[in-house]
Amino acid sequence: MKLTPGPDDKGLRLDQFLSRHLESVTRSQIQHLNRSGSVHINGRLEKAGYRIRGDETVEIELNTSEPVTLTPEQIPLQIYFEDEDLAVIEKPAGLVVHPGAGIQSGTIVHALLYHFQKLSDFGGEARPGIVHRIDKRTSGLLIVAKNNPAHALLGRAFQDRAVEKRYTALVHGKVARPSGTLQTPISRHPSIRTRMAARAGQGRQAYTEYRLIEGFRAFSLLDVGIRTGRTHQIRVHLSAMGHPVVGDDVYGEKAQKAFVRKYGSLGRYFLHAKYLRFTHPRTGVELQFQSPLPAELQDFLSRIR
């Protein structure tokens, strides 16, 4: 894979640059790529601390990955679409997309290995087929790549913002305006490294738009679209607006405590990836998919209505 740095990349360390542009590859995998000599800048090997100038060509050999042992697991999957290049599935709330720290089984990846004979390894052996992610406690539509060419083209489509993604979110409070756009950059939280933060002038560009579907006394049901795919983007942006997602005890801890006292635990975020639109990487045909709101979320809406 070849990458050409842009103006926003100038001054970044090489490992930071790779982390920015290879969003489906973990930090440990990026470290392994650097150590194994799989990254070249203008044909030369450089250390992870190399600073991007902005006029280089960065070449990455993604076939070199850390050895991983994954066992297929018979986990039920709802499959909306499947052909030789890709599949579109439903990720239930409660399942992690891929193995990570402390999680070595029971993930979407383990289910994919059981249901599909072939998956891409473009994102590394630990993430076969994974083009993009959804938080553990979020549900909804997920694209899976079955081969590396399809994975590369789908990844590029996400990077070029050519994939339309829409969510349904229930947030605390009544939004002041029926629609709006949130564009505050998102970066790592300055003191809590497992969290993200929306801070003006810092971090990576993020774009979220929302539209009010239905208003309640203490909640707002929103249709949310994102043009960028930053970590925790919707939850961070809506929380920064003063309306954290219902069920989110990370970015809406205070509101969540009051919610649990009154309604009990929802056991997940009230956030559902309901719509996907993208171009098929091989045929060029536009594909659209819609996922209905899960039963537990429909039931809660009925309660507050």
Protein backbone atom coordinates (compact mmCIF):
# COMPACT_ATOMS: atom_id res chain seq x y z
CA MET A 1 0.00 0.00 0.00
CA LYS A 2 1.29 3.49 -0.86
CA LEU A 3 0.37 6.60 1.10
CA THR A 4 1.13 10.23 0.25
CA PRO A 5 1.19 12.56 3.28
CA GLY A 6 -0.99 15.65 3.19
CA PRO A 7 -0.48 19.10 4.76
CA ASP A 8 -2.11 17.96 8.04
CA ASP A 9 0.44 15.13 8.36
CA LYS A 10 3.55 17.33 8.34
CA GLY A 11 5.54 16.95 11.56
CA LEU A 12 3.87 13.73 12.67
CA ARG A 13 5.99 10.83 13.84
CA LEU A 14 5.94 7.93 11.41
CA ASP A 15 4.02 5.70 13.84
CA GLN A 16 1.45 8.47 14.40
CA PHE A 17 1.08 8.92 10.64
CA LEU A 18 0.47 5.19 10.16
CA SER A 19 -2.04 5.12 13.02
CA ARG A 20 -3.93 7.99 11.40
CA HIS A 21 -4.14 6.43 7.94
CA LEU A 22 -4.44 2.75 8.84
CA GLU A 23 -7.44 2.94 11.14
CA SER A 24 -8.16 -0.79 10.97
CA VAL A 25 -4.64 -1.68 12.18
CA THR A 26 -3.80 -1.74 15.89
CA ARG A 27 -0.93 0.15 17.50
CA SER A 28 0.88 -3.09 18.29
CA GLN A 29 0.56 -4.14 14.65
CA ILE A 30 1.97 -0.79 13.52
CA GLN A 31 4.92 -1.31 15.87
CA HIS A 32 5.41 -4.77 14.39
CA LEU A 33 5.31 -3.38 10.84
CA ASN A 34 8.05 -0.89 11.74
CA ARG A 35 10.19 -3.50 13.52
CA SER A 36 9.86 -6.03 10.70
CA GLY A 37 11.04 -3.63 7.99
CA SER A 38 7.65 -3.47 6.32
CA VAL A 39 7.52 0.35 6.09
CA HIS A 40 9.66 2.30 3.61
CA ILE A 41 9.87 6.03 3.00
CA ASN A 42 11.07 6.89 -0.50
CA GLY A 43 12.49 3.36 -0.60
CA ARG A 44 14.39 3.68 2.70
CA LEU A 45 13.79 2.08 6.08
CA GLU A 46 13.13 4.67 8.79
CA LYS A 47 12.53 4.43 12.52
CA ALA A 48 9.13 4.97 14.15
CA GLY A 49 10.30 8.39 15.34
CA TYR A 50 10.92 9.71 11.82
CA ARG A 51 9.10 13.01 11.29
CA ILE A 52 6.91 13.33 8.20
CA ARG A 53 8.01 16.18 5.91
CA GLY A 54 5.00 16.06 3.61
CA ASP A 55 6.70 15.29 0.29
CA GLU A 56 7.45 11.57 0.83
CA THR A 57 5.93 8.36 -0.47
CA VAL A 58 5.25 5.90 2.33
CA GLU A 59 5.04 2.24 1.29
CA ILE A 60 3.66 -0.44 3.62
CA GLU A 61 3.77 -4.21 3.16
CA LEU A 62 0.69 -5.32 5.06
CA ASN A 63 1.21 -9.06 4.64
CA THR A 64 3.75 -9.01 7.44
CA SER A 65 1.79 -9.33 10.66
CA GLU A 66 2.15 -10.71 14.15
CA PRO A 67 1.29 -14.42 14.48
CA VAL A 68 -2.24 -14.83 15.82
CA THR A 69 -4.25 -17.95 16.56
CA LEU A 70 -8.00 -17.54 16.08
CA THR A 71 -10.57 -20.29 16.41
CA PRO A 72 -13.95 -20.08 14.64
CA GLU A 73 -16.90 -19.92 17.04
CA GLN A 74 -20.53 -20.76 16.28
CA ILE A 75 -21.97 -17.37 17.17
CA PRO A 76 -25.24 -16.49 15.37
CA LEU A 77 -24.97 -13.73 12.77
CA GLN A 78 -27.64 -11.86 10.86
CA ILE A 79 -26.34 -11.48 7.29
CA TYR A 80 -27.99 -8.84 5.10
CA PHE A 81 -25.82 -9.35 2.01
CA GLU A 82 -23.03 -11.63 0.83
CA ASP A 83 -21.06 -12.16 -2.38
CA GLU A 84 -17.48 -13.13 -3.24
CA ASP A 85 -16.07 -9.74 -2.19
CA LEU A 86 -17.94 -8.61 0.90
CA ALA A 87 -20.75 -9.15 3.35
CA VAL A 88 -22.96 -6.81 5.36
CA ILE A 89 -23.92 -8.10 8.80
CA GLU A 90 -25.66 -6.94 11.96
CA LYS A 91 -23.48 -6.53 15.04
CA PRO A 92 -25.53 -7.05 18.21
CA ALA A 93 -24.84 -4.90 21.25
CA GLY A 94 -22.60 -6.71 23.71
CA LEU A 95 -20.18 -8.24 21.21
CA VAL A 96 -16.72 -6.79 20.63
CA VAL A 97 -15.75 -6.55 16.96
CA HIS A 98 -12.25 -8.05 17.23
CA PRO A 99 -9.91 -9.55 19.85
CA GLY A 100 -7.97 -7.12 21.99
CA ALA A 101 -6.53 -6.65 25.44
CA GLY A 102 -8.17 -9.23 27.70
CA ILE A 103 -10.64 -10.38 25.02
CA GLN A 104 -9.56 -13.46 23.11
CA SER A 105 -12.90 -15.13 22.29
CA GLY A 106 -16.55 -14.41 21.66
CA THR A 107 -15.97 -11.56 19.18
CA ILE A 108 -17.47 -10.77 15.79
CA VAL A 109 -14.19 -11.94 14.23
CA HIS A 110 -14.64 -15.41 15.75
CA ALA A 111 -18.18 -15.50 14.35
CA LEU A 112 -16.99 -14.38 10.89
CA LEU A 113 -14.42 -17.18 10.78
CA TYR A 114 -17.22 -19.69 11.39
CA HIS A 115 -19.68 -18.27 8.85
CA PHE A 116 -17.35 -17.32 5.96
CA GLN A 117 -14.72 -19.45 4.25
CA LYS A 118 -12.57 -16.51 3.13
CA LEU A 119 -11.82 -13.17 4.76
CA SER A 120 -9.29 -10.45 4.01
CA ASP A 121 -6.13 -10.17 6.12
CA PHE A 122 -5.43 -6.62 5.00
CA GLY A 123 -5.90 -5.25 8.53
CA GLY A 124 -3.76 -7.93 10.15
CA GLU A 125 -4.31 -11.53 11.23
CA ALA A 126 -6.19 -10.49 14.37
CA ARG A 127 -8.81 -8.59 12.35
CA PRO A 128 -9.79 -10.74 9.36
CA GLY A 129 -12.42 -9.00 7.26
CA ILE A 130 -12.77 -6.00 9.55
CA VAL A 131 -13.05 -2.76 7.54
CA HIS A 132 -14.58 -0.55 10.25
CA ARG A 133 -15.75 -0.92 13.84
CA ILE A 134 -18.73 -0.35 16.12
CA ASP A 135 -18.44 0.00 19.90
CA LYS A 136 -19.18 -3.09 22.00
CA ARG A 137 -22.38 -1.63 23.47
CA THR A 138 -23.61 -0.26 20.12
CA SER A 139 -25.50 -2.34 17.55
CA GLY A 140 -25.94 -2.09 13.80
CA LEU A 141 -24.65 -2.62 10.30
CA LEU A 142 -21.07 -3.65 9.64
CA ILE A 143 -19.24 -4.21 6.32
CA VAL A 144 -16.96 -7.25 6.10
CA ALA A 145 -14.31 -7.69 3.38
CA LYS A 146 -13.65 -11.16 1.98
CA ASN A 147 -10.45 -10.36 0.07
CA ASN A 148 -7.67 -7.80 0.21
CA PRO A 149 -8.51 -5.84 -2.98
CA ALA A 150 -12.08 -5.32 -1.73
CA HIS A 151 -10.77 -4.38 1.73
CA ALA A 152 -8.35 -1.81 0.31
CA LEU A 153 -11.02 -0.18 -1.87
CA LEU A 154 -13.59 -0.14 0.95
CA GLY A 155 -11.01 1.34 3.31
CA ARG A 156 -10.27 4.04 0.76
CA ALA A 157 -14.00 4.75 0.41
CA PHE A 158 -14.26 5.29 4.17
CA GLN A 159 -11.19 7.53 4.10
CA ASP A 160 -12.66 9.55 1.20
CA ARG A 161 -15.98 9.85 3.05
CA ALA A 162 -17.78 8.01 0.27
CA VAL A 163 -19.63 5.72 2.70
CA GLU A 164 -22.84 7.12 4.19
CA LYS A 165 -23.50 5.96 7.75
CA ARG A 166 -26.54 6.93 9.80
CA TYR A 167 -27.44 6.09 13.39
CA THR A 168 -30.43 6.35 15.70
CA ALA A 169 -29.50 7.81 19.09
CA LEU A 170 -31.53 8.64 22.19
CA VAL A 171 -29.89 11.39 24.24
CA HIS A 172 -30.55 12.98 27.59
CA GLY A 173 -32.37 16.32 27.58
CA LYS A 174 -34.26 18.33 24.96
CA VAL A 175 -32.04 19.57 22.13
CA ALA A 176 -32.28 23.32 21.60
CA ARG A 177 -32.38 23.09 17.79
CA PRO A 178 -34.14 20.47 15.64
CA SER A 179 -31.00 19.96 13.57
CA GLY A 180 -27.36 20.89 13.68
CA THR A 181 -23.76 20.13 12.79
CA LEU A 182 -20.93 19.34 15.24
CA GLN A 183 -17.37 19.85 13.99
CA THR A 184 -15.13 20.13 17.06
CA PRO A 185 -11.91 18.13 16.50
CA ILE A 186 -11.50 14.93 18.53
CA SER A 187 -8.32 13.77 20.27
CA ARG A 188 -7.23 11.59 23.17
CA HIS A 189 -8.39 12.87 26.55
CA PRO A 190 -5.50 14.83 28.11
CA SER A 191 -5.49 12.79 31.34
CA ILE A 192 -7.64 9.66 30.77
CA ARG A 193 -6.01 7.77 27.90
CA THR A 194 -8.93 5.36 27.38
CA ARG A 195 -11.25 8.26 26.57
CA MET A 196 -11.53 10.77 23.75
CA ALA A 197 -12.32 14.47 24.01
CA ALA A 198 -13.74 17.18 21.74
CA ARG A 199 -11.43 20.18 21.96
CA ALA A 200 -11.25 23.17 19.63
CA GLY A 201 -7.94 23.45 17.82
CA GLN A 202 -6.71 20.02 18.91
CA GLY A 203 -6.98 16.55 17.45
CA ARG A 204 -8.39 15.29 14.17
CA GLN A 205 -11.20 16.78 12.16
CA ALA A 206 -14.61 15.27 12.99
CA TYR A 207 -17.99 15.94 11.41
CA THR A 208 -21.33 14.88 12.92
CA GLU A 209 -24.80 16.04 11.91
CA TYR A 210 -28.06 15.37 13.72
CA ARG A 211 -31.81 15.79 13.17
CA LEU A 212 -34.52 15.52 15.81
CA ILE A 213 -36.91 12.60 15.16
CA GLU A 214 -38.99 12.85 18.32
CA GLY A 215 -38.85 14.87 21.51
CA PHE A 216 -39.75 13.71 25.03
CA ARG A 217 -39.83 15.48 28.38
CA ALA A 218 -36.33 14.32 29.33
CA PHE A 219 -34.97 12.81 26.11
CA SER A 220 -34.47 13.49 22.41
CA LEU A 221 -34.52 10.83 19.70
CA LEU A 222 -32.04 11.76 16.97
CA ASP A 223 -31.08 10.69 13.48
CA VAL A 224 -27.29 11.07 13.35
CA GLY A 225 -24.96 11.03 10.36
CA ILE A 226 -21.16 11.04 10.40
CA ARG A 227 -18.72 11.90 7.63
CA THR A 228 -15.64 10.95 9.64
CA GLY A 229 -15.05 7.86 11.75
CA ARG A 230 -13.18 9.02 14.84
CA THR A 231 -13.09 6.82 17.93
CA HIS A 232 -16.30 7.28 19.97
CA GLN A 233 -17.18 10.22 17.68
CA ILE A 234 -20.96 10.33 18.11
CA ARG A 235 -20.82 9.79 21.86
CA VAL A 236 -18.11 12.42 22.32
CA HIS A 237 -19.78 15.05 20.12
CA LEU A 238 -23.25 14.63 21.61
CA SER A 239 -21.84 14.70 25.13
CA ALA A 240 -19.89 17.87 24.32
CA MET A 241 -23.19 19.39 23.12
CA GLY A 242 -24.65 18.67 26.56
CA HIS A 243 -26.75 15.69 25.47
CA PRO A 244 -24.93 12.40 26.19
CA VAL A 245 -26.24 9.17 24.71
CA VAL A 246 -28.57 7.24 27.01
CA GLY A 247 -26.70 4.31 28.55
CA ASP A 248 -23.28 5.94 28.14
CA ASP A 249 -21.58 5.83 31.54
CA VAL A 250 -18.28 7.09 30.09
CA TYR A 251 -19.20 10.41 28.48
CA GLY A 252 -22.46 10.87 30.38
CA GLU A 253 -21.66 9.45 33.80
CA LYS A 254 -23.78 11.87 35.86
CA ALA A 255 -26.84 11.58 33.62
CA GLN A 256 -26.46 7.80 33.50
CA LYS A 257 -26.51 7.47 37.30
CA ALA A 258 -29.78 9.39 37.48
CA PHE A 259 -31.17 7.33 34.59
CA VAL A 260 -30.40 4.01 36.31
CA ARG A 261 -32.06 5.16 39.54
CA LYS A 262 -35.29 5.90 37.64
CA TYR A 263 -35.37 3.32 34.84
CA GLY A 264 -32.80 0.66 35.71
CA SER A 265 -29.87 -0.27 33.50
CA LEU A 266 -30.42 -0.43 29.74
CA GLY A 267 -27.33 -2.67 29.51
CA ARG A 268 -26.11 -0.96 26.34
CA TYR A 269 -25.91 2.41 24.59
CA PHE A 270 -29.07 3.69 22.93
CA LEU A 271 -27.11 3.97 19.70
CA HIS A 272 -27.83 1.90 16.59
CA ALA A 273 -26.08 1.97 13.20
CA LYS A 274 -29.24 1.79 11.09
CA TYR A 275 -28.20 2.75 7.56
CA LEU A 276 -25.29 2.15 5.18
CA ARG A 277 -24.83 3.34 1.60
CA PHE A 278 -21.69 2.65 -0.41
CA THR A 279 -20.45 1.60 -3.85
CA HIS A 280 -19.55 -2.04 -4.40
CA PRO A 281 -15.74 -2.15 -4.86
CA ARG A 282 -15.86 -4.54 -7.82
CA THR A 283 -19.15 -3.88 -9.65
CA GLY A 284 -19.55 -0.16 -8.98
CA VAL A 285 -23.21 -0.74 -8.04
CA GLU A 286 -24.58 1.43 -5.24
CA LEU A 287 -25.67 -0.65 -2.24
CA GLN A 288 -28.00 0.49 0.53
CA PHE A 289 -28.93 -1.32 3.73
CA GLN A 290 -31.25 -0.53 6.63
CA SER A 291 -31.46 -2.20 10.03
CA PRO A 292 -34.53 -1.85 12.26
CA LEU A 293 -34.18 -0.62 15.82
CA PRO A 294 -33.51 -3.61 18.14
CA ALA A 295 -36.41 -4.82 20.25
CA GLU A 296 -34.94 -3.69 23.58
CA LEU A 297 -34.61 -0.13 22.28
CA GLN A 298 -38.11 -0.14 20.81
CA ASP A 299 -39.43 -1.37 24.15
CA PHE A 300 -37.71 1.46 26.02
CA LEU A 301 -39.16 4.05 23.63
CA SER A 302 -42.61 2.62 24.29
CA ARG A 303 -42.01 3.01 28.04
CA ILE A 304 -41.06 6.68 27.87
CA ARG A 305 -43.82 7.49 25.39
